[in-house]
Protein backbone atom coordinates (compact mmCIF):
# COMPACT_ATOMS: atom_id res chain seq x y z
CA MET A 1 17.38 79.12 -0.37
CA LYS A 2 14.75 78.03 -2.87
CA ALA A 3 15.58 75.30 -5.36
CA SER A 4 15.25 77.76 -8.27
CA ASP A 5 17.73 80.14 -6.59
CA LEU A 6 20.22 77.31 -6.06
CA TYR A 7 19.85 76.28 -9.70
CA SER A 8 20.40 79.84 -10.92
CA ALA A 9 23.40 80.40 -8.64
CA PHE A 10 25.19 77.35 -10.05
CA HIS A 11 24.01 77.30 -13.67
CA GLY A 12 23.84 81.06 -14.29
CA SER A 13 20.39 80.75 -15.86
CA ASN A 14 16.80 80.27 -14.80
CA PRO A 15 15.60 76.71 -14.41
CA LYS A 16 13.15 75.24 -16.89
CA ALA A 17 10.48 72.86 -15.67
CA ARG A 18 11.60 69.31 -16.30
CA LYS A 19 9.71 66.15 -15.43
CA VAL A 20 11.80 63.81 -13.32
CA THR A 21 10.59 60.51 -11.95
CA TYR A 22 11.85 59.21 -8.66
CA GLU A 23 11.48 55.77 -7.19
CA ALA A 24 11.79 55.58 -3.44
CA PRO A 25 13.98 52.69 -2.29
CA VAL A 26 12.24 49.32 -1.98
CA GLY A 27 13.20 47.24 1.04
CA ASN A 28 16.59 47.51 2.68
CA LEU A 29 19.40 49.44 1.04
CA VAL A 30 22.55 47.58 0.06
CA ALA A 31 25.83 49.44 0.58
CA ILE A 32 28.14 49.14 -2.41
CA GLY A 33 30.98 51.29 -1.10
CA LYS A 34 32.25 54.71 -0.15
CA LEU A 35 32.13 57.26 -2.93
CA ALA A 36 35.60 58.36 -4.12
CA GLU A 37 34.59 60.91 -6.75
CA ILE A 38 31.80 62.14 -9.00
CA VAL A 39 32.07 63.30 -12.61
CA TYR A 40 29.05 65.08 -14.04
CA ILE A 41 28.16 67.18 -17.09
CA PRO A 42 25.57 69.97 -16.68
CA TYR A 43 23.01 70.15 -19.47
CA GLY A 44 20.02 72.22 -20.55
CA SER A 45 20.30 75.99 -20.24
CA SER A 46 23.33 75.91 -17.93
CA ARG A 47 26.21 78.28 -18.68
CA ARG A 48 28.31 75.25 -17.66
CA LYS A 49 26.59 73.01 -20.23
CA GLY A 50 28.77 70.32 -21.77
CA VAL A 51 31.70 70.78 -19.39
CA ALA A 52 32.69 67.72 -17.34
CA TYR A 53 33.22 68.50 -13.67
CA SER A 54 35.17 66.08 -11.51
CA HIS A 55 34.72 66.23 -7.76
CA LYS A 56 36.81 64.23 -5.32
CA SER A 57 34.55 63.22 -2.45
CA GLY A 58 35.34 65.29 0.63
CA ASP A 59 37.01 68.14 -1.31
CA LEU A 60 36.29 71.60 0.12
CA GLY A 61 38.67 73.45 -2.21
CA TYR A 62 41.14 74.23 0.56
CA LYS A 63 41.32 70.80 2.20
CA VAL A 64 39.97 67.31 1.64
CA LEU A 65 37.86 65.61 4.30
CA LYS A 66 37.23 61.90 4.62
CA THR A 67 34.37 60.94 2.31
CA ASN A 68 30.93 61.00 3.90
CA LEU A 69 29.02 59.52 0.97
CA LEU A 70 28.00 55.94 0.42
CA LEU A 71 26.89 54.53 -2.92
CA VAL A 72 23.96 52.22 -2.26
CA THR A 73 21.33 50.36 -4.27
CA ASP A 74 17.84 49.21 -3.41
CA SER A 75 17.15 45.59 -2.53
CA LEU A 76 16.30 44.87 -6.17
CA GLY A 77 19.57 46.32 -7.50
CA LYS A 78 17.45 48.55 -9.73
CA ASN A 79 18.27 52.10 -8.57
CA PHE A 80 21.30 53.83 -7.08
CA TYR A 81 21.42 56.41 -4.31
CA LEU A 82 24.05 58.54 -2.63
CA ILE A 83 23.52 58.85 1.09
CA LYS A 84 25.49 60.43 3.94
CA GLU A 85 27.27 57.90 6.10
CA ASN A 86 27.21 60.36 9.02
CA THR A 87 23.83 62.09 8.83
CA ARG A 88 24.86 64.66 11.47
CA SER A 89 27.64 66.00 9.25
CA LYS A 90 27.00 69.15 7.23
CA TRP A 91 29.11 67.74 4.38
CA PRO A 92 28.61 67.26 1.51
CA VAL A 93 26.43 70.12 0.29
CA PHE A 94 25.61 71.62 -3.10
CA SER A 95 26.22 75.33 -3.57
CA ASP A 96 26.83 77.92 -6.27
CA ARG A 97 30.34 76.40 -6.46
CA GLY A 98 28.97 72.91 -7.05
CA ILE A 99 29.54 69.99 -4.70
CA LEU A 100 31.47 70.79 -1.52
CA GLY A 101 32.71 68.05 0.76
């Protein structure tokens, strides 16, 4: 699935080009802890704009798995990243339903 299709499936609208800067991690990553939940608010042209969504890490909608996400920072403590603890796991993923797993 293309990124624009994934955006449209979740947000119910076509994506608009938006400049985003990304800094790759510098040095070793420092694990802060396992992620328990995420709360996010879609913005822009999303039909879900302004609504806060809370996602318990590991939640599939019909059962809850052990979390597979770690919150880490770079060696400078400047940026944060979410990474899979078990990289072979298919969870979590992002779909038209939002975050699964």
